[in-house]
């Protein structure tokens, strides 16, 4: 059986797919990485992203939201309750939407650059 080359890490990350085959789903739930890829059998338990995606989301999203909050405050001068209602509604969904692809990107990058350590020489 001929093996296809691994997809680019960014494509696997944006699609939230297996970093080796690009076909199997990476997540079992919202942010829970599957035990194994259903398509190629890659053991995904060894890929630990830690707090990397969360820290990146905090840095990027916080700077964007604070900048937008300043713009809204200085341009429209709304009452405080508008900020209290508006920014959680914007921030929470944006954080969840950013976490999946960022976590998938770290898994794909770990597979690409540490695959020989984790899979016994299966590096693409």
PDB file of N, CA and C in Angstrom:
ATOM      1  N   UNK A   1       0.846  -1.172   0.000  1.00  0.00           N
ATOM      2  CA  UNK A   1       0.000   0.000   0.000  1.00  0.00           C
ATOM      3  C   UNK A   1       0.889   1.232   0.000  1.00  0.00           C
ATOM      4  N   UNK A   2       0.664   2.143  -0.937  1.00  0.00           N
ATOM      5  CA  UNK A   2       1.477   3.350  -1.011  1.00  0.00           C
ATOM      6  C   UNK A   2       0.906   4.409  -0.074  1.00  0.00           C
ATOM      7  N   UNK A   3       1.799   5.042   0.655  1.00  0.00           N
ATOM      8  CA  UNK A   3       1.360   6.067   1.598  1.00  0.00           C
ATOM      9  C   UNK A   3       1.438   7.427   0.932  1.00  0.00           C
ATOM     10  N   UNK A   4       0.401   8.213   1.170  1.00  0.00           N
ATOM     11  CA  UNK A   4       0.403   9.583   0.681  1.00  0.00           C
ATOM     12  C   UNK A   4       1.283  10.418   1.608  1.00  0.00           C
ATOM     13  N   UNK A   5       1.864  11.482   1.076  1.00  0.00           N
ATOM     14  CA  UNK A   5       2.639  12.351   1.962  1.00  0.00           C
ATOM     15  C   UNK A   5       1.722  13.056   2.953  1.00  0.00           C
ATOM     16  N   UNK A   6       2.280  13.398   4.085  1.00  0.00           N
ATOM     17  CA  UNK A   6       1.506  14.104   5.117  1.00  0.00           C
ATOM     18  C   UNK A   6       1.081  15.464   4.572  1.00  0.00           C
ATOM     19  N   UNK A   7      -0.127  15.896   4.919  1.00  0.00           N
ATOM     20  CA  UNK A   7      -0.561  17.221   4.459  1.00  0.00           C
ATOM     21  C   UNK A   7       0.246  18.308   5.153  1.00  0.00           C
ATOM     22  N   UNK A   8       0.269  19.506   4.594  1.00  0.00           N
ATOM     23  CA  UNK A   8       0.949  20.605   5.292  1.00  0.00           C
ATOM     24  C   UNK A   8       0.332  20.804   6.671  1.00  0.00           C
ATOM     25  N   UNK A   9       1.138  21.185   7.640  1.00  0.00           N
ATOM     26  CA  UNK A   9       0.641  21.291   9.014  1.00  0.00           C
ATOM     27  C   UNK A   9      -0.490  22.290   9.131  1.00  0.00           C
ATOM     28  N   UNK A  10      -0.433  23.378   8.382  1.00  0.00           N
ATOM     29  CA  UNK A  10      -1.462  24.410   8.478  1.00  0.00           C
ATOM     30  C   UNK A  10      -2.793  23.930   7.923  1.00  0.00           C
ATOM     31  N   UNK A  11      -2.759  23.072   6.898  1.00  0.00           N
ATOM     32  CA  UNK A  11      -4.002  22.539   6.337  1.00  0.00           C
ATOM     33  C   UNK A  11      -4.647  21.561   7.306  1.00  0.00           C
ATOM     34  N   UNK A  12      -3.835  20.714   7.903  1.00  0.00           N
ATOM     35  CA  UNK A  12      -4.366  19.781   8.904  1.00  0.00           C
ATOM     36  C   UNK A  12      -4.904  20.543  10.108  1.00  0.00           C
ATOM     37  N   UNK A  13      -4.251  21.632  10.479  1.00  0.00           N
ATOM     38  CA  UNK A  13      -4.686  22.420  11.638  1.00  0.00           C
ATOM     39  C   UNK A  13      -6.005  23.123  11.365  1.00  0.00           C
ATOM     40  N   UNK A  14      -6.133  23.768  10.225  1.00  0.00           N
ATOM     41  CA  UNK A  14      -7.368  24.486   9.921  1.00  0.00           C
ATOM     42  C   UNK A  14      -8.555  23.541   9.762  1.00  0.00           C
ATOM     43  N   UNK A  15      -8.300  22.339   9.246  1.00  0.00           N
ATOM     44  CA  UNK A  15      -9.378  21.365   9.081  1.00  0.00           C
ATOM     45  C   UNK A  15      -9.587  20.526  10.344  1.00  0.00           C
ATOM     46  N   UNK A  16      -8.692  20.669  11.331  1.00  0.00           N
ATOM     47  CA  UNK A  16      -8.732  19.861  12.568  1.00  0.00           C
ATOM     48  C   UNK A  16      -8.717  18.372  12.236  1.00  0.00           C
ATOM     49  N   UNK A  17      -7.774  17.985  11.391  1.00  0.00           N
ATOM     50  CA  UNK A  17      -7.638  16.602  10.948  1.00  0.00           C
ATOM     51  C   UNK A  17      -6.308  16.017  11.405  1.00  0.00           C
ATOM     52  N   UNK A  18      -6.164  14.720  11.224  1.00  0.00           N
ATOM     53  CA  UNK A  18      -4.955  13.998  11.614  1.00  0.00           C
ATOM     54  C   UNK A  18      -3.737  14.594  10.901  1.00  0.00           C
ATOM     55  N   UNK A  19      -2.631  14.818  11.631  1.00  0.00           N
ATOM     56  CA  UNK A  19      -1.447  15.406  10.992  1.00  0.00           C
ATOM     57  C   UNK A  19      -0.715  14.444  10.058  1.00  0.00           C
ATOM     58  N   UNK A  20      -0.953  13.133  10.176  1.00  0.00           N
ATOM     59  CA  UNK A  20      -0.258  12.183   9.308  1.00  0.00           C
ATOM     60  C   UNK A  20      -1.003  11.943   8.005  1.00  0.00           C
ATOM     61  N   UNK A  21      -2.331  11.708   8.072  1.00  0.00           N
ATOM     62  CA  UNK A  21      -3.076  11.377   6.858  1.00  0.00           C
ATOM     63  C   UNK A  21      -3.959  12.514   6.364  1.00  0.00           C
ATOM     64  N   UNK A  22      -4.334  13.436   7.249  1.00  0.00           N
ATOM     65  CA  UNK A  22      -5.194  14.542   6.856  1.00  0.00           C
ATOM     66  C   UNK A  22      -6.650  14.164   6.688  1.00  0.00           C
ATOM     67  N   UNK A  23      -7.016  12.935   7.065  1.00  0.00           N
ATOM     68  CA  UNK A  23      -8.392  12.476   6.861  1.00  0.00           C
ATOM     69  C   UNK A  23      -9.166  12.287   8.161  1.00  0.00           C
ATOM     70  N   UNK A  24      -8.563  11.643   9.139  1.00  0.00           N
ATOM     71  CA  UNK A  24      -9.261  11.358  10.386  1.00  0.00           C
ATOM     72  C   UNK A  24      -9.467  12.601  11.228  1.00  0.00           C
ATOM     73  N   UNK A  25     -10.567  12.646  11.948  1.00  0.00           N
ATOM     74  CA  UNK A  25     -10.836  13.782  12.832  1.00  0.00           C
ATOM     75  C   UNK A  25      -9.855  13.786  13.996  1.00  0.00           C
ATOM     76  N   UNK A  26      -9.427  14.970  14.386  1.00  0.00           N
ATOM     77  CA  UNK A  26      -8.452  15.103  15.461  1.00  0.00           C
ATOM     78  C   UNK A  26      -9.113  15.143  16.834  1.00  0.00           C
ATOM     79  N   UNK A  27     -10.297  15.740  16.908  1.00  0.00           N
ATOM     80  CA  UNK A  27     -10.946  15.951  18.201  1.00  0.00           C
ATOM     81  C   UNK A  27     -12.136  15.011  18.388  1.00  0.00           C
ATOM     82  N   UNK A  28     -12.276  14.515  19.624  1.00  0.00           N
ATOM     83  CA  UNK A  28     -13.428  13.692  19.987  1.00  0.00           C
ATOM     84  C   UNK A  28     -14.550  14.555  20.544  1.00  0.00           C
ATOM     85  N   UNK A  29     -14.211  15.678  21.122  1.00  0.00           N
ATOM     86  CA  UNK A  29     -15.186  16.619  21.664  1.00  0.00           C
ATOM     87  C   UNK A  29     -14.802  18.012  21.226  1.00  0.00           C
ATOM     88  N   UNK A  30     -15.090  18.968  22.083  1.00  0.00           N
ATOM     89  CA  UNK A  30     -14.758  20.346  21.728  1.00  0.00           C
ATOM     90  C   UNK A  30     -13.248  20.551  21.636  1.00  0.00           C
ATOM     91  N   UNK A  31     -12.513  20.113  22.658  1.00  0.00           N
ATOM     92  CA  UNK A  31     -11.057  20.262  22.655  1.00  0.00           C
ATOM     93  C   UNK A  31     -10.323  18.993  23.063  1.00  0.00           C
ATOM     94  N   UNK A  32     -11.009  17.872  23.141  1.00  0.00           N
ATOM     95  CA  UNK A  32     -10.400  16.612  23.548  1.00  0.00           C
ATOM     96  C   UNK A  32      -9.811  15.905  22.332  1.00  0.00           C
ATOM     97  N   UNK A  33      -8.496  15.675  22.359  1.00  0.00           N
ATOM     98  CA  UNK A  33      -7.837  14.989  21.255  1.00  0.00           C
ATOM     99  C   UNK A  33      -8.171  13.495  21.338  1.00  0.00           C
ATOM    100  N   UNK A  34      -8.480  12.907  20.189  1.00  0.00           N
ATOM    101  CA  UNK A  34      -8.815  11.481  20.126  1.00  0.00           C
ATOM    102  C   UNK A  34      -7.617  10.619  20.551  1.00  0.00           C
ATOM    103  N   UNK A  35      -7.913   9.392  20.937  1.00  0.00           N
ATOM    104  CA  UNK A  35      -6.862   8.436  21.292  1.00  0.00           C
ATOM    105  C   UNK A  35      -6.041   8.044  20.058  1.00  0.00           C
ATOM    106  N   UNK A  36      -6.747   7.721  18.958  1.00  0.00           N
ATOM    107  CA  UNK A  36      -6.113   7.288  17.706  1.00  0.00           C
ATOM    108  C   UNK A  36      -6.863   7.873  16.524  1.00  0.00           C
ATOM    109  N   UNK A  37      -6.160   8.025  15.429  1.00  0.00           N
ATOM    110  CA  UNK A  37      -6.811   8.449  14.197  1.00  0.00           C
ATOM    111  C   UNK A  37      -7.601   7.274  13.641  1.00  0.00           C
ATOM    112  N   UNK A  38      -8.848   7.503  13.288  1.00  0.00           N
ATOM    113  CA  UNK A  38      -9.704   6.436  12.761  1.00  0.00           C
ATOM    114  C   UNK A  38      -9.266   6.023  11.355  1.00  0.00           C
ATOM    115  N   UNK A  39      -8.608   6.891  10.619  1.00  0.00           N
ATOM    116  CA  UNK A  39      -8.226   6.597   9.242  1.00  0.00           C
ATOM    117  C   UNK A  39      -6.881   5.868   9.144  1.00  0.00           C
ATOM    118  N   UNK A  40      -5.861   6.349   9.873  1.00  0.00           N
ATOM    119  CA  UNK A  40      -4.518   5.766   9.717  1.00  0.00           C
ATOM    120  C   UNK A  40      -3.993   5.083  10.975  1.00  0.00           C
ATOM    121  N   UNK A  41      -4.681   5.262  12.105  1.00  0.00           N
ATOM    122  CA  UNK A  41      -4.265   4.594  13.338  1.00  0.00           C
ATOM    123  C   UNK A  41      -3.162   5.289  14.115  1.00  0.00           C
ATOM    124  N   UNK A  42      -2.832   6.522  13.772  1.00  0.00           N
ATOM    125  CA  UNK A  42      -1.789   7.254  14.493  1.00  0.00           C
ATOM    126  C   UNK A  42      -2.194   7.414  15.956  1.00  0.00           C
ATOM    127  N   UNK A  43      -1.285   7.086  16.853  1.00  0.00           N
ATOM    128  CA  UNK A  43      -1.532   7.235  18.285  1.00  0.00           C
ATOM    129  C   UNK A  43      -1.400   8.714  18.641  1.00  0.00           C
ATOM    130  N   UNK A  44      -2.524   9.343  18.948  1.00  0.00           N
ATOM    131  CA  UNK A  44      -2.540  10.782  19.230  1.00  0.00           C
ATOM    132  C   UNK A  44      -2.379  11.090  20.712  1.00  0.00           C
ATOM    133  N   UNK A  45      -2.317  10.059  21.547  1.00  0.00           N
ATOM    134  CA  UNK A  45      -2.195  10.283  22.996  1.00  0.00           C
ATOM    135  C   UNK A  45      -0.864  10.914  23.364  1.00  0.00           C
ATOM    136  N   UNK A  46       0.156  10.717  22.565  1.00  0.00           N
ATOM    137  CA  UNK A  46       1.488  11.221  22.909  1.00  0.00           C
ATOM    138  C   UNK A  46       1.662  12.699  22.585  1.00  0.00           C
ATOM    139  N   UNK A  47       0.732  13.282  21.852  1.00  0.00           N
ATOM    140  CA  UNK A  47       0.824  14.694  21.483  1.00  0.00           C
ATOM    141  C   UNK A  47       0.165  15.533  22.565  1.00  0.00           C
ATOM    142  N   UNK A  48       0.980  16.205  23.352  1.00  0.00           N
ATOM    143  CA  UNK A  48       0.479  17.031  24.449  1.00  0.00           C
ATOM    144  C   UNK A  48       0.775  18.490  24.140  1.00  0.00           C
ATOM    145  N   UNK A  49      -0.286  19.279  23.958  1.00  0.00           N
ATOM    146  CA  UNK A  49      -0.092  20.684  23.625  1.00  0.00           C
ATOM    147  C   UNK A  49       0.045  21.561  24.857  1.00  0.00           C
ATOM    148  N   UNK A  50      -0.317  21.047  26.007  1.00  0.00           N
ATOM    149  CA  UNK A  50      -0.198  21.818  27.241  1.00  0.00           C
ATOM    150  C   UNK A  50      -1.053  23.067  27.202  1.00  0.00           C
ATOM    151  N   UNK A  51      -0.509  24.164  27.696  1.00  0.00           N
ATOM    152  CA  UNK A  51      -1.236  25.430  27.750  1.00  0.00           C
ATOM    153  C   UNK A  51      -0.910  26.344  26.576  1.00  0.00           C
ATOM    154  N   UNK A  52      -0.151  25.875  25.618  1.00  0.00           N
ATOM    155  CA  UNK A  52       0.263  26.709  24.494  1.00  0.00           C
ATOM    156  C   UNK A  52      -0.874  27.386  23.750  1.00  0.00           C
ATOM    157  N   UNK A  53      -1.901  26.638  23.310  1.00  0.00           N
ATOM    158  CA  UNK A  53      -2.998  27.291  22.594  1.00  0.00           C
ATOM    159  C   UNK A  53      -3.729  28.315  23.452  1.00  0.00           C
ATOM    160  N   UNK A  54      -3.947  28.010  24.719  1.00  0.00           N
ATOM    161  CA  UNK A  54      -4.666  28.943  25.600  1.00  0.00           C
ATOM    162  C   UNK A  54      -3.874  30.237  25.790  1.00  0.00           C
ATOM    163  N   UNK A  55      -2.579  30.132  25.957  1.00  0.00           N
ATOM    164  CA  UNK A  55      -1.748  31.326  26.141  1.00  0.00           C
ATOM    165  C   UNK A  55      -1.753  32.179  24.877  1.00  0.00           C
ATOM    166  N   UNK A  56      -1.643  31.541  23.734  1.00  0.00           N
ATOM    167  CA  UNK A  56      -1.666  32.290  22.482  1.00  0.00           C
ATOM    168  C   UNK A  56      -3.014  32.978  22.273  1.00  0.00           C
ATOM    169  N   UNK A  57      -4.106  32.292  22.581  1.00  0.00           N
ATOM    170  CA  UNK A  57      -5.435  32.907  22.472  1.00  0.00           C
ATOM    171  C   UNK A  57      -5.542  34.089  23.419  1.00  0.00           C
ATOM    172  N   UNK A  58      -5.056  33.940  24.635  1.00  0.00           N
ATOM    173  CA  UNK A  58      -5.123  35.041  25.599  1.00  0.00           C
ATOM    174  C   UNK A  58      -4.362  36.252  25.079  1.00  0.00           C
ATOM    175  N   UNK A  59      -3.143  36.067  24.601  1.00  0.00           N
ATOM    176  CA  UNK A  59      -2.343  37.195  24.128  1.00  0.00           C
ATOM    177  C   UNK A  59      -2.964  37.868  22.902  1.00  0.00           C
ATOM    178  N   UNK A  60      -3.353  37.085  21.928  1.00  0.00           N
ATOM    179  CA  UNK A  60      -3.872  37.648  20.686  1.00  0.00           C
ATOM    180  C   UNK A  60      -5.255  38.252  20.891  1.00  0.00           C
ATOM    181  N   UNK A  61      -6.140  37.483  21.467  1.00  0.00           N
ATOM    182  CA  UNK A  61      -7.519  37.941  21.627  1.00  0.00           C
ATOM    183  C   UNK A  61      -7.620  39.110  22.606  1.00  0.00           C
ATOM    184  N   UNK A  62      -6.850  39.077  23.667  1.00  0.00           N
ATOM    185  CA  UNK A  62      -6.901  40.172  24.643  1.00  0.00           C
ATOM    186  C   UNK A  62      -6.461  41.484  24.014  1.00  0.00           C
ATOM    187  N   UNK A  63      -5.417  41.451  23.209  1.00  0.00           N
ATOM    188  CA  UNK A  63      -4.967  42.701  22.589  1.00  0.00           C
ATOM    189  C   UNK A  63      -6.004  43.227  21.597  1.00  0.00           C
ATOM    190  N   UNK A  64      -6.649  42.346  20.867  1.00  0.00           N
ATOM    191  CA  UNK A  64      -7.684  42.776  19.926  1.00  0.00           C
ATOM    192  C   UNK A  64      -8.899  43.327  20.661  1.00  0.00           C
ATOM    193  N   UNK A  65      -9.363  42.612  21.683  1.00  0.00           N
ATOM    194  CA  UNK A  65     -10.559  43.035  22.409  1.00  0.00           C
ATOM    195  C   UNK A  65     -10.313  44.339  23.165  1.00  0.00           C
ATOM    196  N   UNK A  66      -9.173  44.482  23.791  1.00  0.00           N
ATOM    197  CA  UNK A  66      -8.878  45.732  24.500  1.00  0.00           C
ATOM    198  C   UNK A  66      -8.801  46.896  23.514  1.00  0.00           C
ATOM    199  N   UNK A  67      -8.191  46.680  22.371  1.00  0.00           N
ATOM    200  CA  UNK A  67      -8.149  47.722  21.355  1.00  0.00           C
ATOM    201  C   UNK A  67      -9.544  48.112  20.878  1.00  0.00           C
ATOM    202  N   UNK A  68     -10.393  47.114  20.637  1.00  0.00           N
ATOM    203  CA  UNK A  68     -11.765  47.399  20.222  1.00  0.00           C
ATOM    204  C   UNK A  68     -12.557  48.085  21.338  1.00  0.00           C
ATOM    205  N   UNK A  69     -12.313  47.692  22.579  1.00  0.00           N
ATOM    206  CA  UNK A  69     -13.002  48.336  23.703  1.00  0.00           C
ATOM    207  C   UNK A  69     -12.618  49.815  23.799  1.00  0.00           C
ATOM    208  N   UNK A  70     -11.354  50.128  23.558  1.00  0.00           N
ATOM    209  CA  UNK A  70     -10.936  51.532  23.544  1.00  0.00           C
ATOM    210  C   UNK A  70     -11.631  52.302  22.422  1.00  0.00           C
ATOM    211  N   UNK A  71     -11.698  51.700  21.251  1.00  0.00           N
ATOM    212  CA  UNK A  71     -12.354  52.356  20.123  1.00  0.00           C
ATOM    213  C   UNK A  71     -13.821  52.622  20.441  1.00  0.00           C
ATOM    214  N   UNK A  72     -14.509  51.614  20.969  1.00  0.00           N
ATOM    215  CA  UNK A  72     -15.923  51.785  21.309  1.00  0.00           C
ATOM    216  C   UNK A  72     -16.087  52.845  22.394  1.00  0.00           C
ATOM    217  N   UNK A  73     -15.248  52.819  23.387  1.00  0.00           N
ATOM    218  CA  UNK A  73     -15.360  53.778  24.497  1.00  0.00           C
ATOM    219  C   UNK A  73     -15.128  55.207  24.023  1.00  0.00           C
ATOM    220  N   UNK A  74     -14.060  55.441  23.273  1.00  0.00           N
ATOM    221  CA  UNK A  74     -13.718  56.807  22.896  1.00  0.00           C
ATOM    222  C   UNK A  74     -14.543  57.339  21.728  1.00  0.00           C
ATOM    223  N   UNK A  75     -15.076  56.455  20.920  1.00  0.00           N
ATOM    224  CA  UNK A  75     -15.862  56.912  19.785  1.00  0.00           C
ATOM    225  C   UNK A  75     -17.335  57.087  20.140  1.00  0.00           C
ATOM    226  N   UNK A  76     -17.893  56.132  20.927  1.00  0.00           N
ATOM    227  CA  UNK A  76     -19.329  56.148  21.202  1.00  0.00           C
ATOM    228  C   UNK A  76     -19.675  56.516  22.647  1.00  0.00           C
ATOM    229  N   UNK A  77     -18.740  56.406  23.554  1.00  0.00           N
ATOM    230  CA  UNK A  77     -18.944  56.681  24.986  1.00  0.00           C
ATOM    231  C   UNK A  77     -20.208  56.016  25.544  1.00  0.00           C
ATOM    232  N   UNK A  78     -20.305  54.693  25.409  1.00  0.00           N
ATOM    233  CA  UNK A  78     -21.506  54.027  25.905  1.00  0.00           C
ATOM    234  C   UNK A  78     -21.469  53.894  27.425  1.00  0.00           C
ATOM    235  N   UNK A  79     -22.613  53.603  28.046  1.00  0.00           N
ATOM    236  CA  UNK A  79     -22.599  53.338  29.484  1.00  0.00           C
ATOM    237  C   UNK A  79     -21.809  52.061  29.781  1.00  0.00           C
ATOM    238  N   UNK A  80     -21.392  51.928  31.020  1.00  0.00           N
ATOM    239  CA  UNK A  80     -20.560  50.792  31.425  1.00  0.00           C
ATOM    240  C   UNK A  80     -21.233  49.451  31.178  1.00  0.00           C
ATOM    241  N   UNK A  81     -22.557  49.383  31.342  1.00  0.00           N
ATOM    242  CA  UNK A  81     -23.245  48.108  31.154  1.00  0.00           C
ATOM    243  C   UNK A  81     -23.132  47.602  29.718  1.00  0.00           C
ATOM    244  N   UNK A  82     -22.963  48.494  28.751  1.00  0.00           N
ATOM    245  CA  UNK A  82     -22.798  48.060  27.356  1.00  0.00           C
ATOM    246  C   UNK A  82     -21.493  47.279  27.218  1.00  0.00           C
ATOM    247  N   UNK A  83     -20.439  47.757  27.843  1.00  0.00           N
ATOM    248  CA  UNK A  83     -19.171  47.013  27.833  1.00  0.00           C
ATOM    249  C   UNK A  83     -19.328  45.672  28.542  1.00  0.00           C
ATOM    250  N   UNK A  84     -20.035  45.679  29.657  1.00  0.00           N
ATOM    251  CA  UNK A  84     -20.217  44.453  30.438  1.00  0.00           C
ATOM    252  C   UNK A  84     -21.008  43.403  29.666  1.00  0.00           C
ATOM    253  N   UNK A  85     -21.884  43.823  28.781  1.00  0.00           N
ATOM    254  CA  UNK A  85     -22.667  42.882  27.976  1.00  0.00           C
ATOM    255  C   UNK A  85     -21.948  42.536  26.671  1.00  0.00           C
ATOM    256  N   UNK A  86     -21.366  43.527  26.027  1.00  0.00           N
ATOM    257  CA  UNK A  86     -20.787  43.340  24.699  1.00  0.00           C
ATOM    258  C   UNK A  86     -19.546  42.457  24.679  1.00  0.00           C
ATOM    259  N   UNK A  87     -18.578  42.718  25.534  1.00  0.00           N
ATOM    260  CA  UNK A  87     -17.282  42.045  25.400  1.00  0.00           C
ATOM    261  C   UNK A  87     -17.284  40.573  25.780  1.00  0.00           C
ATOM    262  N   UNK A  88     -18.028  40.134  26.788  1.00  0.00           N
ATOM    263  CA  UNK A  88     -18.102  38.674  26.979  1.00  0.00           C
ATOM    264  C   UNK A  88     -18.771  37.959  25.812  1.00  0.00           C
ATOM    265  N   UNK A  89     -19.767  38.601  25.208  1.00  0.00           N
ATOM    266  CA  UNK A  89     -20.452  37.991  24.064  1.00  0.00           C
ATOM    267  C   UNK A  89     -19.512  37.863  22.865  1.00  0.00           C
ATOM    268  N   UNK A  90     -18.579  38.778  22.733  1.00  0.00           N
ATOM    269  CA  UNK A  90     -17.606  38.725  21.640  1.00  0.00           C
ATOM    270  C   UNK A  90     -16.437  37.803  21.992  1.00  0.00           C
ATOM    271  N   UNK A  91     -15.936  37.910  23.212  1.00  0.00           N
ATOM    272  CA  UNK A  91     -14.698  37.240  23.590  1.00  0.00           C
ATOM    273  C   UNK A  91     -14.841  35.727  23.745  1.00  0.00           C
ATOM    274  N   UNK A  92     -15.879  35.268  24.401  1.00  0.00           N
ATOM    275  CA  UNK A  92     -16.007  33.832  24.674  1.00  0.00           C
ATOM    276  C   UNK A  92     -16.132  33.011  23.386  1.00  0.00           C
ATOM    277  N   UNK A  93     -17.037  33.340  22.466  1.00  0.00           N
ATOM    278  CA  UNK A  93     -17.075  32.552  21.220  1.00  0.00           C
ATOM    279  C   UNK A  93     -15.786  32.668  20.401  1.00  0.00           C
ATOM    280  N   UNK A  94     -15.180  33.848  20.385  1.00  0.00           N
ATOM    281  CA  UNK A  94     -13.932  34.008  19.634  1.00  0.00           C
ATOM    282  C   UNK A  94     -12.828  33.133  20.219  1.00  0.00           C
ATOM    283  N   UNK A  95     -12.763  33.040  21.545  1.00  0.00           N
ATOM    284  CA  UNK A  95     -11.743  32.201  22.183  1.00  0.00           C
ATOM    285  C   UNK A  95     -11.956  30.727  21.852  1.00  0.00           C
ATOM    286  N   UNK A  96     -13.191  30.282  21.891  1.00  0.00           N
ATOM    287  CA  UNK A  96     -13.478  28.872  21.574  1.00  0.00           C
ATOM    288  C   UNK A  96     -13.162  28.590  20.109  1.00  0.00           C
ATOM    289  N   UNK A  97     -13.534  29.497  19.217  1.00  0.00           N
ATOM    290  CA  UNK A  97     -13.260  29.294  17.791  1.00  0.00           C
ATOM    291  C   UNK A  97     -11.764  29.300  17.483  1.00  0.00           C
ATOM    292  N   UNK A  98     -10.985  30.047  18.244  1.00  0.00           N
ATOM    293  CA  UNK A  98      -9.544  30.093  18.017  1.00  0.00           C
ATOM    294  C   UNK A  98      -8.815  28.891  18.618  1.00  0.00           C
ATOM    295  N   UNK A  99      -9.355  28.325  19.693  1.00  0.00           N
ATOM    296  CA  UNK A  99      -8.655  27.250  20.403  1.00  0.00           C
ATOM    297  C   UNK A  99      -8.510  25.973  19.571  1.00  0.00           C
ATOM    298  N   UNK A 100      -9.558  25.556  18.877  1.00  0.00           N
ATOM    299  CA  UNK A 100      -9.483  24.301  18.119  1.00  0.00           C
ATOM    300  C   UNK A 100      -8.378  24.312  17.067  1.00  0.00           C
ATOM    301  N   UNK A 101      -8.356  25.292  16.154  1.00  0.00           N
ATOM    302  CA  UNK A 101      -7.284  25.263  15.163  1.00  0.00           C
ATOM    303  C   UNK A 101      -5.890  25.471  15.750  1.00  0.00           C
ATOM    304  N   UNK A 102      -5.790  26.256  16.826  1.00  0.00           N
ATOM    305  CA  UNK A 102      -4.466  26.442  17.437  1.00  0.00           C
ATOM    306  C   UNK A 102      -3.983  25.163  18.110  1.00  0.00           C
ATOM    307  N   UNK A 103      -4.878  24.455  18.770  1.00  0.00           N
ATOM    308  CA  UNK A 103      -4.484  23.183  19.379  1.00  0.00           C
ATOM    309  C   UNK A 103      -4.142  22.166  18.293  1.00  0.00           C
ATOM    310  N   UNK A 104      -4.913  22.149  17.212  1.00  0.00           N
ATOM    311  CA  UNK A 104      -4.615  21.255  16.092  1.00  0.00           C
ATOM    312  C   UNK A 104      -3.277  21.609  15.447  1.00  0.00           C
ATOM    313  N   UNK A 105      -2.966  22.897  15.380  1.00  0.00           N
ATOM    314  CA  UNK A 105      -1.681  23.313  14.810  1.00  0.00           C
ATOM    315  C   UNK A 105      -0.523  22.822  15.666  1.00  0.00           C
ATOM    316  N   UNK A 106      -0.645  22.919  16.978  1.00  0.00           N
ATOM    317  CA  UNK A 106       0.440  22.439  17.843  1.00  0.00           C
ATOM    318  C   UNK A 106       0.599  20.927  17.758  1.00  0.00           C
ATOM    319  N   UNK A 107      -0.505  20.195  17.645  1.00  0.00           N
ATOM    320  CA  UNK A 107      -0.414  18.739  17.472  1.00  0.00           C
ATOM    321  C   UNK A 107       0.277  18.428  16.149  1.00  0.00           C
ATOM    322  N   UNK A 108      -0.099  19.122  15.086  1.00  0.00           N
ATOM    323  CA  UNK A 108       0.516  18.887  13.773  1.00  0.00           C
ATOM    324  C   UNK A 108       2.000  19.237  13.778  1.00  0.00           C
ATOM    325  N   UNK A 109       2.362  20.331  14.429  1.00  0.00           N
ATOM    326  CA  UNK A 109       3.776  20.708  14.495  1.00  0.00           C
ATOM    327  C   UNK A 109       4.576  19.731  15.347  1.00  0.00           C
ATOM    328  N   UNK A 110       3.969  19.241  16.427  1.00  0.00           N
ATOM    329  CA  UNK A 110       4.652  18.214  17.219  1.00  0.00           C
ATOM    330  C   UNK A 110       4.858  16.959  16.391  1.00  0.00           C
ATOM    331  N   UNK A 111       3.854  16.560  15.636  1.00  0.00           N
ATOM    332  CA  UNK A 111       4.006  15.372  14.795  1.00  0.00           C
ATOM    333  C   UNK A 111       5.108  15.591  13.766  1.00  0.00           C
ATOM    334  N   UNK A 112       5.117  16.746  13.159  1.00  0.00           N
ATOM    335  CA  UNK A 112       6.081  17.013  12.098  1.00  0.00           C
ATOM    336  C   UNK A 112       7.513  17.030  12.622  1.00  0.00           C
ATOM    337  N   UNK A 113       7.752  17.691  13.752  1.00  0.00           N
ATOM    338  CA  UNK A 113       9.121  17.894  14.215  1.00  0.00           C
ATOM    339  C   UNK A 113       9.579  16.955  15.321  1.00  0.00           C
ATOM    340  N   UNK A 114       8.665  16.209  15.915  1.00  0.00           N
ATOM    341  CA  UNK A 114       9.052  15.247  16.944  1.00  0.00           C
ATOM    342  C   UNK A 114       8.519  13.858  16.648  1.00  0.00           C
ATOM    343  N   UNK A 115       8.127  13.587  15.427  1.00  0.00           N
ATOM    344  CA  UNK A 115       7.516  12.309  15.084  1.00  0.00           C
ATOM    345  C   UNK A 115       8.478  11.142  15.280  1.00  0.00           C
ATOM    346  N   UNK A 116       9.762  11.353  15.039  1.00  0.00           N
ATOM    347  CA  UNK A 116      10.709  10.249  15.201  1.00  0.00           C
ATOM    348  C   UNK A 116      10.791   9.815  16.661  1.00  0.00           C
ATOM    349  N   UNK A 117      10.634  10.753  17.586  1.00  0.00           N
ATOM    350  CA  UNK A 117      10.648  10.411  19.004  1.00  0.00           C
ATOM    351  C   UNK A 117       9.355   9.699  19.412  1.00  0.00           C
ATOM    352  N   UNK A 118       8.251  10.091  18.804  1.00  0.00           N
ATOM    353  CA  UNK A 118       6.953   9.605  19.253  1.00  0.00           C
ATOM    354  C   UNK A 118       6.475   8.366  18.501  1.00  0.00           C
ATOM    355  N   UNK A 119       6.891   8.193  17.284  1.00  0.00           N
ATOM    356  CA  UNK A 119       6.369   7.106  16.466  1.00  0.00           C
ATOM    357  C   UNK A 119       7.442   6.140  15.972  1.00  0.00           C
ATOM    358  N   UNK A 120       8.608   6.234  16.479  1.00  0.00           N
ATOM    359  CA  UNK A 120       9.650   5.304  16.054  1.00  0.00           C
ATOM    360  C   UNK A 120      10.137   5.515  14.624  1.00  0.00           C
ATOM    361  N   UNK A 121      10.256   6.773  14.223  1.00  0.00           N
ATOM    362  CA  UNK A 121      10.810   7.055  12.914  1.00  0.00           C
ATOM    363  C   UNK A 121       9.791   7.248  11.833  1.00  0.00           C
ATOM    364  N   UNK A 122       8.557   7.611  12.150  1.00  0.00           N
ATOM    365  CA  UNK A 122       7.495   7.808  11.162  1.00  0.00           C
ATOM    366  C   UNK A 122       7.441   9.222  10.636  1.00  0.00           C
ATOM    367  N   UNK A 123       8.505   9.970  10.737  1.00  0.00           N
ATOM    368  CA  UNK A 123       8.481  11.382  10.323  1.00  0.00           C
ATOM    369  C   UNK A 123       8.211  11.475   8.829  1.00  0.00           C
ATOM    370  N   UNK A 124       7.417  12.464   8.419  1.00  0.00           N
ATOM    371  CA  UNK A 124       7.109  12.616   6.994  1.00  0.00           C
ATOM    372  C   UNK A 124       8.298  13.100   6.208  1.00  0.00           C
TER     373      UNK A 124
END
